[in-house]
Protein backbone atom coordinates (compact mmCIF):
# COMPACT_ATOMS: atom_id res chain seq x y z
CA MET A 1 121.01 105.65 188.13
CA ASN A 2 124.59 106.94 189.99
CA ASP A 3 125.38 110.53 187.91
CA VAL A 4 128.84 110.69 189.54
CA LEU A 5 131.72 109.46 186.94
CA ARG A 6 134.41 107.48 188.18
CA TYR A 7 138.19 107.77 186.34
CA ASN A 8 140.78 105.19 187.39
CA ALA A 9 143.45 108.14 187.66
CA GLY A 10 142.33 110.02 191.13
CA VAL A 11 143.19 112.69 192.38
CA ASN A 12 144.65 113.28 195.64
CA VAL A 13 144.23 115.77 197.99
CA GLU A 14 146.04 116.40 201.25
CA LEU A 15 144.61 117.66 204.29
CA THR A 16 146.03 119.93 207.34
CA PRO A 17 146.50 118.21 210.43
CA ASP A 18 143.44 120.16 211.81
CA GLN A 19 141.02 119.09 208.58
CA ARG A 20 142.70 115.40 208.85
CA ALA A 21 140.99 115.75 212.77
CA PHE A 22 138.18 116.89 211.75
CA VAL A 23 137.04 114.08 209.46
CA GLN A 24 138.45 111.55 211.37
CA LYS A 25 135.55 112.60 214.09
CA ALA A 26 132.80 112.87 211.71
CA ILE A 27 133.87 108.88 210.56
CA GLU A 28 134.17 108.02 213.90
CA ALA A 29 130.58 109.65 214.52
CA GLY A 30 129.45 107.62 211.74
CA ARG A 31 128.83 110.84 209.22
CA PHE A 32 131.32 109.24 206.74
CA THR A 33 133.05 106.00 206.16
CA ARG A 34 135.66 107.25 204.40
CA GLU A 35 137.71 110.46 203.70
CA GLU A 36 137.01 110.45 200.41
CA GLU A 37 133.39 110.66 201.12
CA ALA A 38 133.68 113.90 203.36
CA VAL A 39 135.88 115.48 200.20
CA GLN A 40 132.75 114.76 197.89
CA GLU A 41 130.72 116.39 200.71
CA ALA A 42 132.38 119.60 201.30
CA LEU A 43 133.17 119.88 197.25
CA ALA A 44 129.37 120.00 196.65
CA LEU A 45 128.76 122.01 199.46
CA TRP A 46 131.10 124.69 197.05
CA GLU A 47 129.46 123.92 194.38
CA GLU A 48 126.07 124.97 195.75
CA ARG A 49 127.68 127.78 197.37
CA GLU A 50 129.29 129.38 194.40
CA ARG A 51 126.05 128.41 191.98
CA ARG A 52 124.18 130.50 194.74
CA ARG A 53 126.78 133.31 194.99
CA LEU A 54 126.28 133.52 191.02
CA GLU A 55 122.19 133.71 191.00
CA ILE A 56 122.83 137.01 193.42
CA ILE A 57 125.29 138.17 191.25
CA ALA A 58 122.83 138.01 188.66
CA MET A 59 120.28 139.64 190.51
CA ILE A 60 122.76 142.24 191.60
CA ASP A 61 123.14 143.12 187.83
CA GLU A 62 119.74 143.04 187.15
CA ALA A 63 119.05 145.36 189.96
CA GLU A 64 121.79 147.80 188.56
CA ALA A 65 120.37 147.20 184.94
CA SER A 66 116.64 148.13 186.45
CA LEU A 67 118.40 151.49 188.25
CA ALA A 68 120.16 152.57 185.14
CA ARG A 69 116.69 152.21 183.36
CA GLY A 70 114.85 154.13 185.84
CA GLU A 71 113.22 152.15 187.55
CA GLY A 72 114.36 152.54 191.00
CA ILE A 73 112.11 153.58 193.93
CA PRO A 74 113.95 156.64 195.55
CA ILE A 75 114.81 155.61 199.43
CA THR A 76 113.04 158.27 201.82
CA GLU A 77 112.30 158.59 205.22
CA GLU A 78 108.76 158.33 204.17
CA SER A 79 109.43 155.54 201.99
CA ILE A 80 110.46 153.68 204.37
CA LYS A 81 107.87 154.24 206.66
CA ALA A 82 105.42 153.27 203.88
CA LEU A 83 107.61 150.00 203.47
CA VAL A 84 107.61 149.50 207.24
CA GLU A 85 103.36 150.04 207.09
CA GLU A 86 102.85 147.68 203.81
CA THR A 87 105.20 144.64 205.47
CA LYS A 88 102.80 144.94 208.47
CA GLN A 89 99.88 144.75 207.03
CA ARG A 90 100.75 141.86 204.77
CA LEU A 91 102.28 139.64 208.18
CA ARG A 92 98.87 140.33 210.42
CA ARG A 93 97.02 139.02 206.48
CA ARG A 94 99.65 136.41 206.47
CA ILE A 95 98.86 135.28 210.38
CA ALA A 96 95.20 135.91 210.62
CA ALA A 97 95.48 133.39 207.40
CA GLU A 98 97.04 130.96 209.11
CA ARG A 99 94.81 131.35 212.15
CA SER A 100 91.45 130.81 210.04
CA THR A 101 93.37 127.31 208.70
CA PRO A 102 92.63 124.25 210.91
CA ALA A 103 95.41 122.77 211.90
CA ARG A 104 96.61 119.17 210.40
């Protein structure tokens, strides 16, 4: 089922000459058949980017709240070295596991 709502009263979007040329090239290449499709794609990508931006902001807010509760880990030269070593070991284990798994 098509989730797109269609209204009789459309919205007019004016593209700059550069944008129009860009869209026209995409149409000529077969990427789109109409300018409206390009605008719909652009809006969908913008919506997805905005969703991701809001997720990042929420993660930052949670991190700040965690720090405010005293749950943070002090960053020192030693803690960075330990993190690097732990990451290397995890990567080595992952590579070893991938090598021991037969290819499909």
